Amino acid sequence: MTFYRQIAVIVLFFLILFLFIFPTQDGLVFLILKGAAMGGLVVTLISYAFPQYFKRDDSQDDEFELPQDNGIDPSFSSAIKSHYNRLLSQVLNLVKIVNPDYSAAIYMIDTENKGFKCQENTSTDFSDFILTKNEIISSIVKTSDPLILKKNKKNEGWEDILGTKTWRGSETLIGFPILYSGNVVGFLLVYTDHFSSIQDRDQDVIEKLSQFITHGMEDLEQMESLMADNYFNSRIANLFDQLEVKSDESELFQSIRGLCRAFFQYDKLTIVLSTEDKKKGLIKLVDGLHDDIDEGEEFLFQNTLHGLAIQDGKNICSNAWYEEYPEMNRFKPGDNRDFNFMSVLSIPLKSNDEAIGAITLERLKSRIYSDSDVRLLQLLCGTVSSILNWQQEYKKVHLTSIHDGLTGLLNHKAFLDRFEEEISRAGRFNQMLGLVVLDLDKFKLVNDNYGHLYGDYVLREVAQVISENVRAIDVVGRYGGEEFAVLLVNTDIKQCLPLAQRIVQSIAEKTFLEGGIAVNITISAGMAGFPHHAEKVRSLISKADKAMYDTKSNGGNDVTIAPEL
């Protein structure tokens, strides 16, 4: 646009010069030229004297209009920032669990510098900052859906994201936009060296992770606004510092008990969460009197005081509740006479504006809870609701991420992580572990002869047979294509042998019948134990794997124990 202005000024200059040289010419044409010159001078004068009337937003020329920076505010408390950073780290960790071949980075908007700044990454190859005008990033932020980009000669901007390297042409990026308040404020970027390693299921899981970031930021913003009350602020901040998104639920409830003891007067504190059918309440925590109902018990919401706040989704505050609700019991029929609590303050816990539970304070004396009590308990309930929502979302995504999509068993990465945990625990408590590695015999022939869909059916059935023959404390994973692994906790290697033999025999005796196709197949197993054969995860796997191949070389359909050190 500046270029056209310059042309207009030059034309105006020569027009005035022409009229200055030939001032006495008459006729309609010269009259029009004089009028145009006068008009141009007036416009030029006003544009310089009153520039606000000609102000133009140059940002409209940009391909992507940057929204307001709605990310985590730099003025947020350190507790909120800490949770934000942990949120991003946990998301990237889950991406690696989904597929170890992936590297990933999370970028958030930087409006001041017109680009996106890297917040967390799993590889130093990712650039710290990428301009919005980058061709790839521009494509990602224009959509609310995941975008797959394969490297080719026409692509521009790859070096700006991943640095200079030798490109093979199979490299692939997947961009997952991160939305906040309806705007794209960042993106989750996943990179792999070869597009063939990308599975449809991976995209679905990672898309949920990008949405998880959005929900996490929204909850953090809500938490920050709720923490505005200085009186309660420091203790709420301590609650955040103590808990992580993957913390156990019981830790949260114990922290709530400590806060309530410090700030409220009550004879009974009860925390209730609704069951899946929304008709019953499960007692998660009790402080004070336990004789009427205790932790772990359930009660029907209908016609109960402790179900009222959940069913109606509103606060209950009274110093004579039985006069306001004479038809109601506290938990069970008749208990309002057996336990004469008079004052009550009950605040619902909510998820997506739907009540999922309640925190209730009760007093034996008729002394109503103050406005300050109501406000502080609301503050606590709002914060607890966000934490519960956050933890629940994390559990859902985490469970999906660590399990194999076909068999439902732990995937390769998750199995190794559990193996490391169990071997560390066994070392501390002087316990033993047994590892069984199993591989289907001649499984390639099944795929070749009957197709991969039938092969997938066989793998699912084998996984079920293995799971049915182990204990609840044992760990089962799909280690590879047709390879499985079982970790027998606190079990000597000799005690593992009958179990491994039972699995091998069960599979050999089973007829895999599906779609009119009936096939019998066998499996080979190899075993190694901690600490008899090795004390490191990799060494144990190597020994069990070799024992399994010894079984195969002897005809398969059997179990071989690795030789001891």
Protein backbone atom coordinates (compact mmCIF):
# COMPACT_ATOMS: atom_id res chain seq x y z
CA MET A 1 0.00 0.00 0.00
CA THR A 2 2.93 2.40 0.69
CA PHE A 3 4.07 1.98 -2.94
CA TYR A 4 0.72 3.25 -4.28
CA ARG A 5 0.86 6.25 -1.97
CA GLN A 6 4.30 7.11 -3.31
CA ILE A 7 3.04 6.90 -6.93
CA ALA A 8 0.09 9.17 -6.06
CA VAL A 9 2.41 11.79 -4.52
CA ILE A 10 4.73 11.71 -7.57
CA VAL A 11 1.78 12.15 -9.97
CA LEU A 12 0.48 15.03 -7.84
CA PHE A 13 3.94 16.68 -7.90
CA PHE A 14 4.20 16.59 -11.70
CA LEU A 15 0.60 17.75 -12.09
CA ILE A 16 1.27 20.83 -9.95
CA LEU A 17 4.56 21.42 -11.79
CA PHE A 18 2.73 21.28 -15.13
CA LEU A 19 0.08 23.78 -13.96
CA PHE A 20 2.79 26.03 -12.58
CA ILE A 21 4.58 26.10 -15.97
CA PHE A 22 1.33 26.68 -17.94
CA PRO A 23 -0.78 28.74 -15.50
CA THR A 24 -2.91 30.70 -17.99
CA GLN A 25 -4.40 27.83 -19.99
CA ASP A 26 -8.21 27.71 -20.21
CA GLY A 27 -10.62 24.94 -21.09
CA LEU A 28 -12.45 22.09 -19.34
CA VAL A 29 -9.44 19.75 -19.22
CA PHE A 30 -7.29 22.30 -17.43
CA LEU A 31 -10.14 23.05 -15.04
CA ILE A 32 -10.37 19.35 -14.11
CA LEU A 33 -6.60 19.14 -13.66
CA LYS A 34 -6.62 22.21 -11.39
CA GLY A 35 -9.45 20.68 -9.34
CA ALA A 36 -7.58 17.38 -9.00
CA ALA A 37 -4.43 19.22 -7.94
CA MET A 38 -6.32 21.24 -5.32
CA GLY A 39 -8.04 18.11 -4.02
CA GLY A 40 -4.75 16.23 -3.84
CA LEU A 41 -3.13 19.06 -1.88
CA VAL A 42 -6.04 19.11 0.59
CA VAL A 43 -5.82 15.32 1.14
CA THR A 44 -2.04 15.50 1.57
CA LEU A 45 -2.37 18.36 4.06
CA ILE A 46 -4.97 16.51 6.16
CA SER A 47 -3.02 13.23 6.07
CA TYR A 48 0.00 14.94 7.61
CA ALA A 49 -1.85 17.32 9.92
CA PHE A 50 -4.36 14.72 11.15
CA PRO A 51 -2.73 11.30 10.63
CA GLN A 52 -5.27 9.50 12.87
CA TYR A 53 -7.89 9.78 10.09
CA PHE A 54 -5.63 7.86 7.72
CA LYS A 55 -4.23 5.33 10.18
CA ARG A 56 -4.20 1.80 8.83
CA ASP A 57 -3.58 -1.50 10.58
CA ASP A 58 -0.66 -3.01 8.67
CA SER A 59 -1.21 -6.30 10.46
CA GLN A 60 -4.06 -6.96 8.03
CA ASP A 61 -1.43 -7.76 5.42
CA ASP A 62 -0.24 -10.72 7.49
CA GLU A 63 -1.43 -14.13 6.39
CA PHE A 64 -2.45 -15.04 9.93
CA GLU A 65 -3.86 -12.47 12.34
CA LEU A 66 -2.37 -13.04 15.77
CA PRO A 67 -5.01 -13.22 18.52
CA GLN A 68 -4.45 -11.75 21.91
CA ASP A 69 -1.90 -13.70 23.93
CA ASN A 70 -4.21 -15.85 26.03
CA GLY A 71 -1.52 -18.16 27.33
CA ILE A 72 -0.35 -18.40 30.93
CA ASP A 73 -0.03 -14.82 32.17
CA PRO A 74 3.53 -13.95 33.33
CA SER A 75 2.03 -12.39 36.45
CA PHE A 76 0.49 -15.71 37.49
CA SER A 77 1.64 -17.18 40.78
CA SER A 78 4.63 -19.49 40.88
CA ALA A 79 2.36 -22.41 41.87
CA ILE A 80 0.27 -21.96 38.70
CA LYS A 81 3.38 -21.60 36.51
CA SER A 82 4.82 -24.76 38.03
CA HIS A 83 1.67 -26.73 37.22
CA TYR A 84 1.62 -25.30 33.70
CA ASN A 85 5.18 -26.48 33.08
CA ARG A 86 4.44 -29.90 34.54
CA LEU A 87 1.34 -30.14 32.36
CA LEU A 88 3.40 -29.59 29.20
CA SER A 89 6.14 -32.01 30.30
CA GLN A 90 3.63 -34.76 31.03
CA VAL A 91 1.95 -34.27 27.64
CA LEU A 92 5.28 -34.66 25.82
CA ASN A 93 6.09 -37.74 27.90
CA LEU A 94 2.80 -39.29 26.81
CA VAL A 95 3.63 -38.55 23.15
CA LYS A 96 6.83 -40.60 23.57
CA ILE A 97 4.82 -43.41 25.16
CA VAL A 98 2.42 -43.41 22.20
CA ASN A 99 5.37 -43.91 19.82
CA PRO A 100 9.06 -43.82 20.89
CA ASP A 101 10.02 -42.84 17.32
CA TYR A 102 8.28 -39.47 17.71
CA SER A 103 9.93 -36.28 18.86
CA ALA A 104 7.67 -33.42 19.88
CA ALA A 105 7.56 -29.80 20.94
CA ILE A 106 4.92 -27.43 22.26
CA TYR A 107 4.88 -23.85 20.96
CA MET A 108 2.85 -20.95 22.35
CA ILE A 109 2.04 -17.60 20.77
CA ASP A 110 4.40 -14.63 21.18
CA THR A 111 2.42 -11.65 19.86
CA GLU A 112 5.16 -9.12 20.57
CA ASN A 113 7.61 -10.88 18.23
CA LYS A 114 4.95 -12.14 15.78
CA GLY A 115 5.67 -15.80 16.16
CA PHE A 116 5.57 -18.85 18.41
CA LYS A 117 7.97 -19.67 21.23
CA CYS A 118 8.94 -23.21 22.20
CA GLN A 119 7.75 -24.06 25.74
CA GLU A 120 8.88 -27.70 26.05
CA ASN A 121 10.45 -30.23 23.68
CA THR A 122 11.82 -33.77 23.57
CA SER A 123 14.57 -32.92 21.07
CA THR A 124 16.99 -30.02 20.79
CA ASP A 125 16.47 -30.09 17.00
CA PHE A 126 13.35 -27.96 17.43
CA SER A 127 13.91 -24.21 17.08
CA ASP A 128 13.31 -21.98 20.11
CA PHE A 129 11.22 -19.54 18.06
CA ILE A 130 9.32 -19.73 14.75
CA LEU A 131 7.86 -16.77 12.91
CA THR A 132 4.15 -16.81 12.10
CA LYS A 133 4.89 -16.30 8.40
CA ASN A 134 6.62 -19.70 8.24
CA GLU A 135 4.74 -21.63 5.54
CA ILE A 136 4.25 -24.76 7.65
CA ILE A 137 3.22 -22.96 10.82
CA SER A 138 0.88 -20.71 8.86
CA SER A 139 -0.90 -23.83 7.55
CA ILE A 140 -1.22 -25.36 11.02
CA VAL A 141 -2.64 -22.30 12.78
CA LYS A 142 -5.27 -21.71 10.09
CA THR A 143 -7.12 -24.90 11.03
CA SER A 144 -8.52 -26.39 14.21
CA ASP A 145 -7.78 -29.94 13.02
CA PRO A 146 -4.49 -31.90 12.97
CA LEU A 147 -2.41 -31.33 9.83
CA ILE A 148 0.08 -33.83 8.36
CA LEU A 149 2.94 -32.40 6.26
CA LYS A 150 5.37 -34.63 4.37
CA LYS A 151 8.74 -33.24 3.29
CA ASN A 152 9.13 -32.52 -0.40
CA LYS A 153 11.19 -30.18 -2.56
CA LYS A 154 8.44 -27.55 -2.71
CA ASN A 155 8.15 -27.27 1.08
CA GLU A 156 9.51 -24.09 2.60
CA GLY A 157 10.30 -23.52 6.24
CA TRP A 158 11.49 -26.92 7.46
CA GLU A 159 14.92 -25.55 8.38
CA ASP A 160 13.27 -22.80 10.46
CA ILE A 161 11.62 -25.52 12.56
CA LEU A 162 14.18 -28.33 12.71
CA GLY A 163 17.42 -26.73 11.61
CA THR A 164 19.63 -27.56 8.63
CA LYS A 165 20.00 -31.28 7.93
CA THR A 166 20.13 -33.76 5.08
CA TRP A 167 16.54 -34.48 4.12
CA ARG A 168 15.55 -37.89 2.79
CA GLY A 169 12.05 -36.92 1.72
CA SER A 170 10.24 -39.29 4.10
CA GLU A 171 10.24 -36.87 7.05
CA THR A 172 6.83 -35.95 8.38
CA LEU A 173 5.43 -33.31 10.72
CA ILE A 174 2.02 -33.42 12.37
CA GLY A 175 0.70 -30.13 13.74
CA PHE A 176 -2.00 -30.15 16.42
CA PRO A 177 -3.42 -26.64 17.04
CA ILE A 178 -3.97 -25.64 20.68
CA LEU A 179 -7.13 -23.58 21.12
CA TYR A 180 -7.89 -21.20 23.95
CA SER A 181 -10.99 -18.99 24.20
CA GLY A 182 -11.79 -19.95 20.60
CA ASN A 183 -8.41 -18.83 19.24
CA VAL A 184 -5.34 -20.78 18.14
CA VAL A 185 -2.71 -19.84 20.74
CA GLY A 186 -0.14 -22.51 19.96
CA PHE A 187 0.43 -25.97 18.59
CA LEU A 188 1.81 -29.36 19.47
CA LEU A 189 4.35 -30.37 16.82
CA VAL A 190 5.21 -34.07 16.31
CA TYR A 191 8.10 -35.11 14.04
CA THR A 192 9.13 -38.50 12.70
CA ASP A 193 11.84 -39.50 10.22
CA HIS A 194 9.48 -41.68 8.19
CA PHE A 195 5.78 -41.25 7.51
CA SER A 196 5.18 -45.02 7.68
CA SER A 197 5.60 -44.98 11.48
CA ILE A 198 2.47 -42.82 11.89
CA GLN A 199 -0.66 -44.75 12.87
CA ASP A 200 -4.23 -43.38 12.73
CA ARG A 201 -4.68 -44.23 16.40
CA ASP A 202 -1.57 -42.20 17.28
CA GLN A 203 -3.15 -39.10 15.75
CA ASP A 204 -6.35 -39.58 17.76
CA VAL A 205 -4.47 -39.95 21.04
CA ILE A 206 -2.16 -37.00 20.42
CA GLU A 207 -5.09 -34.82 19.33
CA LYS A 208 -6.64 -35.57 22.73
CA LEU A 209 -3.36 -34.52 24.34
CA SER A 210 -3.48 -31.14 22.56
CA GLN A 211 -7.05 -30.73 23.81
CA PHE A 212 -5.83 -31.74 27.27
CA ILE A 213 -3.45 -28.74 27.19
CA THR A 214 -6.40 -26.46 26.38
CA HIS A 215 -8.47 -27.83 29.27
CA GLY A 216 -5.46 -27.59 31.57
CA MET A 217 -4.91 -23.91 30.74
CA GLU A 218 -8.59 -23.13 31.25
CA ASP A 219 -8.53 -24.84 34.64
CA LEU A 220 -5.33 -23.01 35.59
CA GLU A 221 -6.91 -19.67 34.72
CA GLN A 222 -9.92 -20.54 36.84
CA MET A 223 -7.68 -21.59 39.70
CA GLU A 224 -5.80 -18.30 39.52
CA SER A 225 -8.99 -16.24 39.67
CA LEU A 226 -10.25 -18.33 42.56
CA MET A 227 -7.01 -17.76 44.46
CA ALA A 228 -7.58 -14.00 44.59
CA ASP A 229 -8.65 -14.09 48.24
CA ASN A 230 -5.45 -13.27 50.14
CA TYR A 231 -6.71 -14.95 53.30
CA PHE A 232 -6.89 -18.33 51.61
CA ASN A 233 -4.28 -17.82 48.90
CA SER A 234 -1.19 -19.20 50.62
CA ARG A 235 -2.85 -22.42 51.75
CA ILE A 236 -4.42 -23.05 48.34
CA ALA A 237 -1.00 -22.47 46.77
CA ASN A 238 0.44 -25.07 49.15
CA LEU A 239 -2.27 -27.47 48.02
CA PHE A 240 -1.08 -27.04 44.40
CA ASP A 241 2.56 -27.45 45.37
CA GLN A 242 1.82 -30.76 47.07
CA LEU A 243 -0.15 -32.25 44.19
CA GLU A 244 0.53 -33.17 40.59
CA VAL A 245 -1.90 -34.01 37.83
CA LYS A 246 -1.01 -37.69 38.29
CA SER A 247 -1.22 -37.60 42.10
CA ASP A 248 -3.41 -40.12 43.85
CA GLU A 249 -6.93 -38.92 44.64
CA SER A 250 -6.51 -39.76 48.33
CA GLU A 251 -3.63 -37.27 48.60
CA LEU A 252 -5.97 -34.50 47.48
CA PHE A 253 -8.63 -35.42 50.04
CA GLN A 254 -6.12 -35.56 52.89
CA SER A 255 -4.92 -32.08 51.92
CA ILE A 256 -8.53 -30.84 51.94
CA ARG A 257 -8.98 -32.19 55.44
CA GLY A 258 -5.95 -30.22 56.62
CA LEU A 259 -7.27 -27.01 55.04
CA CYS A 260 -10.75 -27.45 56.52
CA ARG A 261 -9.37 -28.08 59.99
CA ALA A 262 -7.36 -24.88 59.76
CA PHE A 263 -10.12 -22.58 58.46
CA PHE A 264 -13.52 -23.95 59.49
CA GLN A 265 -15.29 -25.04 62.65
CA TYR A 266 -17.28 -28.23 62.27
CA ASP A 267 -18.22 -31.46 63.99
CA LYS A 268 -18.26 -33.46 60.76
CA LEU A 269 -16.62 -32.96 57.38
CA THR A 270 -17.82 -35.16 54.51
CA ILE A 271 -16.57 -35.34 50.93
CA VAL A 272 -18.87 -37.18 48.53
CA LEU A 273 -18.42 -38.04 44.84
CA SER A 274 -21.31 -39.32 42.74
CA THR A 275 -21.23 -42.79 41.21
CA GLU A 276 -21.48 -43.33 37.44
CA ASP A 277 -25.26 -43.72 37.52
CA LYS A 278 -25.58 -40.30 39.25
CA LYS A 279 -28.03 -41.85 41.73
CA LYS A 280 -25.67 -42.68 44.58
CA GLY A 281 -22.91 -40.95 46.49
CA LEU A 282 -19.61 -42.57 47.48
CA ILE A 283 -18.05 -41.29 50.72
CA LYS A 284 -14.44 -40.38 49.91
CA LEU A 285 -13.45 -38.70 53.19
CA VAL A 286 -14.89 -38.24 56.69
CA ASP A 287 -13.44 -36.09 59.47
CA GLY A 288 -15.11 -35.90 62.86
CA LEU A 289 -18.03 -38.15 63.74
CA HIS A 290 -17.86 -41.53 61.94
CA ASP A 291 -20.73 -43.39 63.60
CA ASP A 292 -23.41 -42.42 61.07
CA ILE A 293 -21.43 -43.19 57.88
CA ASP A 294 -17.78 -43.76 57.06
CA GLU A 295 -15.35 -43.68 54.13
CA GLY A 296 -16.06 -46.19 51.36
CA GLU A 297 -19.81 -46.42 52.05
CA GLU A 298 -22.51 -45.48 49.53
CA PHE A 299 -25.94 -43.87 49.94
CA LEU A 300 -28.84 -42.94 47.67
CA PHE A 301 -29.12 -39.25 46.79
CA GLN A 302 -32.93 -39.24 46.80
CA ASN A 303 -34.36 -37.34 49.81
CA THR A 304 -30.97 -36.90 51.52
CA LEU A 305 -29.33 -33.72 52.72
CA HIS A 306 -25.91 -34.79 51.48
CA GLY A 307 -27.30 -35.50 48.02
CA LEU A 308 -29.23 -32.23 47.78
CA ALA A 309 -26.33 -29.96 46.77
CA ILE A 310 -25.29 -32.51 44.12
CA GLN A 311 -28.76 -33.07 42.69
CA ASP A 312 -29.71 -29.38 42.64
CA GLY A 313 -26.22 -28.11 41.87
CA LYS A 314 -26.53 -25.29 44.41
CA ASN A 315 -25.17 -24.27 47.83
CA ILE A 316 -26.97 -25.35 51.01
CA CYS A 317 -26.44 -23.18 54.10
CA SER A 318 -28.71 -23.44 57.14
CA ASN A 319 -28.63 -23.48 60.95
CA ALA A 320 -31.90 -25.50 61.12
CA TRP A 321 -31.88 -27.60 57.99
CA TYR A 322 -34.49 -30.10 59.21
CA GLU A 323 -37.08 -27.26 59.40
CA GLU A 324 -36.35 -26.24 55.80
CA TYR A 325 -36.22 -29.84 54.54
CA PRO A 326 -38.43 -31.85 56.94
CA GLU A 327 -38.89 -34.73 54.50
CA MET A 328 -35.15 -35.36 54.18
CA ASN A 329 -32.65 -37.59 55.96
CA ARG A 330 -28.94 -36.96 56.15
CA PHE A 331 -27.75 -40.23 54.55
CA LYS A 332 -30.25 -42.94 55.52
CA PRO A 333 -33.86 -43.07 56.73
CA GLY A 334 -34.18 -41.87 60.35
CA ASP A 335 -30.58 -40.73 60.81
CA ASN A 336 -31.64 -37.08 61.26
CA ARG A 337 -33.12 -38.15 64.61
CA ASP A 338 -30.20 -40.37 65.62
CA PHE A 339 -27.58 -37.71 64.87
CA ASN A 340 -28.86 -34.26 65.68
CA PHE A 341 -26.72 -32.05 63.45
CA MET A 342 -28.38 -28.64 63.13
CA SER A 343 -26.10 -26.41 61.00
CA VAL A 344 -24.93 -27.38 57.54
CA LEU A 345 -22.85 -25.86 54.75
CA SER A 346 -22.74 -27.96 51.57
CA ILE A 347 -21.05 -26.79 48.33
CA PRO A 348 -21.14 -28.86 45.11
CA LEU A 349 -18.04 -29.95 43.21
CA LYS A 350 -18.57 -29.45 39.48
CA SER A 351 -17.29 -30.64 36.13
CA ASN A 352 -18.50 -28.82 32.99
CA ASP A 353 -21.20 -27.11 35.09
CA GLU A 354 -22.50 -30.49 36.28
CA ALA A 355 -22.28 -31.42 39.96
CA ILE A 356 -20.07 -34.47 40.52
CA GLY A 357 -19.86 -34.35 44.31
CA ALA A 358 -19.93 -32.07 47.34
CA ILE A 359 -17.95 -30.94 50.37
CA THR A 360 -20.21 -30.65 53.42
CA LEU A 361 -19.56 -29.17 56.88
CA GLU A 362 -21.95 -29.89 59.77
CA ARG A 363 -22.26 -28.58 63.31
CA LEU A 364 -24.28 -29.95 66.22
CA LYS A 365 -25.09 -26.43 67.47
CA SER A 366 -27.46 -24.06 65.68
CA ARG A 367 -24.87 -21.53 64.55
CA ILE A 368 -25.09 -20.62 60.89
CA TYR A 369 -21.98 -20.55 58.76
CA SER A 370 -20.90 -17.00 57.91
CA ASP A 371 -20.65 -15.39 54.47
CA SER A 372 -16.89 -15.68 54.82
CA ASP A 373 -17.22 -19.45 55.45
CA VAL A 374 -19.40 -19.80 52.36
CA ARG A 375 -16.99 -17.80 50.21
CA LEU A 376 -13.93 -19.73 51.36
CA LEU A 377 -15.56 -23.14 50.94
CA GLN A 378 -16.70 -22.08 47.45
CA LEU A 379 -13.12 -21.10 46.71
CA LEU A 380 -11.89 -24.48 47.92
CA CYS A 381 -14.58 -26.41 46.01
CA GLY A 382 -13.84 -24.55 42.78
CA THR A 383 -10.16 -25.37 43.11
CA VAL A 384 -10.79 -29.01 44.04
CA SER A 385 -13.20 -29.36 41.10
CA SER A 386 -10.51 -28.18 38.69
CA ILE A 387 -7.93 -30.55 40.16
CA LEU A 388 -10.35 -33.51 40.01
CA ASN A 389 -11.23 -32.69 36.39
CA TRP A 390 -7.58 -32.33 35.52
CA GLN A 391 -6.65 -35.65 37.16
CA GLN A 392 -9.58 -37.45 35.52
CA GLU A 393 -8.67 -36.20 32.04
CA TYR A 394 -5.04 -37.15 32.58
CA LYS A 395 -6.03 -40.68 33.64
CA LYS A 396 -8.17 -41.16 30.53
CA VAL A 397 -5.48 -39.96 28.14
CA HIS A 398 -2.73 -41.77 30.04
CA LEU A 399 -4.57 -45.11 29.96
CA THR A 400 -5.11 -44.76 26.22
CA SER A 401 -1.48 -43.79 25.66
CA ILE A 402 0.15 -46.69 27.51
CA HIS A 403 -2.00 -49.49 26.09
CA ASP A 404 -1.66 -51.22 22.74
CA GLY A 405 -4.63 -50.31 20.55
CA LEU A 406 -5.13 -53.86 19.21
CA THR A 407 -4.76 -56.09 22.27
CA GLY A 408 -5.36 -53.69 25.16
CA LEU A 409 -2.09 -54.82 26.79
CA LEU A 410 0.65 -52.43 27.85
CA ASN A 411 2.61 -51.21 24.83
CA HIS A 412 6.37 -51.65 24.46
CA LYS A 413 7.41 -48.40 26.15
CA ALA A 414 4.91 -48.70 29.01
CA PHE A 415 5.97 -52.30 29.70
CA LEU A 416 9.62 -51.27 29.93
CA ASP A 417 8.71 -48.43 32.30
CA ARG A 418 6.83 -50.85 34.57
CA PHE A 419 9.72 -53.31 34.34
CA GLU A 420 12.12 -50.62 35.59
CA GLU A 421 9.76 -49.82 38.49
CA GLU A 422 9.30 -53.47 39.49
CA ILE A 423 12.99 -54.35 39.28
CA SER A 424 13.81 -51.31 41.43
CA ARG A 425 11.19 -52.38 43.98
CA ALA A 426 12.43 -55.97 43.95
CA GLY A 427 15.97 -54.76 44.62
CA ARG A 428 14.88 -52.62 47.57
CA PHE A 429 12.80 -55.36 49.21
CA ASN A 430 15.06 -58.29 48.32
CA GLN A 431 12.39 -59.93 46.14
CA MET A 432 12.56 -61.99 42.95
CA LEU A 433 11.03 -61.43 39.52
CA GLY A 434 10.30 -63.75 36.63
CA LEU A 435 10.28 -62.62 32.99
CA VAL A 436 8.57 -64.68 30.28
CA VAL A 437 9.00 -63.69 26.62
CA LEU A 438 6.58 -65.38 24.19
CA ASP A 439 6.54 -65.34 20.37
CA LEU A 440 3.95 -66.99 18.11
CA ASP A 441 5.38 -69.71 15.89
CA LYS A 442 5.13 -69.20 12.11
CA PHE A 443 2.70 -66.32 12.54
CA LYS A 444 3.74 -64.83 9.18
CA LEU A 445 2.00 -67.75 7.45
CA VAL A 446 -1.26 -66.80 9.19
CA ASN A 447 -1.06 -63.24 7.83
CA ASP A 448 0.02 -64.42 4.38
CA ASN A 449 -2.66 -67.10 4.07
CA TYR A 450 -5.63 -65.47 5.80
CA GLY A 451 -4.90 -61.72 5.83
CA HIS A 452 -4.01 -59.20 8.48
CA LEU A 453 -7.55 -58.85 9.84
CA TYR A 454 -7.57 -62.52 10.78
CA GLY A 455 -4.03 -62.11 12.13
CA ASP A 456 -5.23 -59.25 14.33
CA TYR A 457 -8.01 -61.51 15.66
CA VAL A 458 -5.43 -64.17 16.58
CA LEU A 459 -3.28 -61.59 18.40
CA ARG A 460 -6.27 -60.37 20.41
CA GLU A 461 -7.21 -63.92 21.39
CA VAL A 462 -3.63 -64.79 22.39
CA ALA A 463 -3.45 -61.64 24.52
CA GLN A 464 -6.65 -62.70 26.28
CA VAL A 465 -5.32 -66.23 26.95
CA ILE A 466 -2.14 -64.79 28.46
CA SER A 467 -4.06 -62.29 30.62
CA GLU A 468 -6.41 -64.99 31.93
CA ASN A 469 -3.49 -67.12 33.12
CA VAL A 470 -1.63 -64.51 35.20
CA ARG A 471 -2.36 -62.83 38.53
CA ALA A 472 -3.70 -59.31 38.95
CA ILE A 473 -0.33 -58.10 40.26
CA ASP A 474 1.59 -59.44 37.24
CA VAL A 475 2.41 -57.22 34.25
CA VAL A 476 1.57 -58.22 30.67
CA GLY A 477 2.62 -56.33 27.56
CA ARG A 478 2.70 -56.61 23.79
CA TYR A 479 6.43 -56.39 23.26
CA GLY A 480 6.45 -56.43 19.46
CA GLY A 481 4.42 -57.57 16.46
CA GLU A 482 3.59 -61.14 17.57
CA GLU A 483 5.79 -61.06 20.68
CA PHE A 484 4.44 -60.77 24.22
CA ALA A 485 6.09 -60.36 27.61
CA VAL A 486 4.95 -61.26 31.12
CA LEU A 487 6.53 -59.98 34.32
CA LEU A 488 5.75 -62.19 37.32
CA VAL A 489 6.07 -60.10 40.48
CA ASN A 490 7.74 -61.49 43.63
CA THR A 491 8.04 -64.93 42.07
CA ASP A 492 11.01 -67.29 41.81
CA ILE A 493 11.92 -68.41 38.28
CA LYS A 494 11.12 -72.05 39.09
CA GLN A 495 7.63 -71.04 40.26
CA CYS A 496 7.13 -69.21 36.95
CA LEU A 497 7.67 -72.35 34.88
CA PRO A 498 4.22 -73.96 35.43
CA LEU A 499 2.49 -70.70 34.51
CA ALA A 500 4.51 -70.32 31.30
CA GLN A 501 3.81 -73.96 30.39
CA ARG A 502 0.08 -73.44 31.04
CA ILE A 503 0.02 -70.45 28.67
CA VAL A 504 1.87 -72.39 25.95
CA GLN A 505 -0.44 -75.38 26.34
CA SER A 506 -3.64 -73.25 26.37
CA ILE A 507 -2.69 -71.60 23.08
CA ALA A 508 -1.73 -74.90 21.47
CA GLU A 509 -5.10 -76.42 22.45
CA LYS A 510 -7.17 -73.47 21.26
CA THR A 511 -8.76 -73.38 17.81
CA PHE A 512 -8.85 -69.84 16.49
CA LEU A 513 -12.22 -69.69 14.73
CA GLU A 514 -13.28 -66.48 12.99
CA GLY A 515 -15.18 -65.74 9.78
CA GLY A 516 -15.32 -69.39 8.77
CA ILE A 517 -11.53 -69.78 9.20
CA ALA A 518 -10.23 -72.27 11.80
CA VAL A 519 -6.51 -72.28 12.63
CA ASN A 520 -4.34 -73.86 15.31
CA ILE A 521 -1.13 -72.13 16.25
CA THR A 522 1.62 -72.58 18.84
CA ILE A 523 3.83 -70.24 20.80
CA SER A 524 7.41 -70.41 22.05
CA ALA A 525 8.54 -69.07 25.42
CA GLY A 526 11.81 -68.12 27.05
CA MET A 527 12.37 -67.26 30.71
CA ALA A 528 14.85 -65.39 32.86
CA GLY A 529 14.72 -64.32 36.49
CA PHE A 530 15.93 -61.53 38.74
CA PRO A 531 18.48 -61.72 40.30
CA HIS A 532 19.49 -65.27 39.18
CA HIS A 533 20.15 -64.45 35.55
CA ALA A 534 20.74 -60.70 35.56
CA GLU A 535 20.03 -57.56 37.58
CA LYS A 536 19.34 -55.12 34.74
CA VAL A 537 16.24 -54.87 32.57
CA ARG A 538 18.02 -55.06 29.22
CA SER A 539 20.13 -58.05 30.29
CA LEU A 540 17.09 -59.97 31.53
CA ILE A 541 15.20 -59.30 28.29
CA SER A 542 18.21 -60.38 26.24
CA LYS A 543 18.55 -63.67 28.15
CA ALA A 544 14.82 -64.45 28.03
CA ASP A 545 14.75 -63.59 24.33
CA LYS A 546 17.66 -65.93 23.60
CA ALA A 547 15.96 -68.71 25.57
CA MET A 548 12.81 -68.17 23.51
CA TYR A 549 14.78 -68.53 20.25
CA ASP A 550 16.32 -71.72 21.64
CA THR A 551 12.76 -73.00 22.05
CA LYS A 552 11.98 -72.11 18.43
CA SER A 553 15.13 -73.84 17.15
CA ASN A 554 13.97 -77.01 18.97
CA GLY A 555 10.58 -76.99 17.23
CA GLY A 556 8.68 -74.40 19.29
CA ASN A 557 5.55 -74.92 21.42
CA ASP A 558 7.57 -75.16 24.62
CA VAL A 559 9.35 -73.19 27.37
CA THR A 560 13.10 -72.76 27.87
CA ILE A 561 14.73 -71.26 30.97
CA ALA A 562 17.90 -69.24 30.38
CA PRO A 563 21.09 -70.76 31.87
CA GLU A 564 22.11 -69.18 35.21
CA LEU A 565 25.19 -67.00 35.61
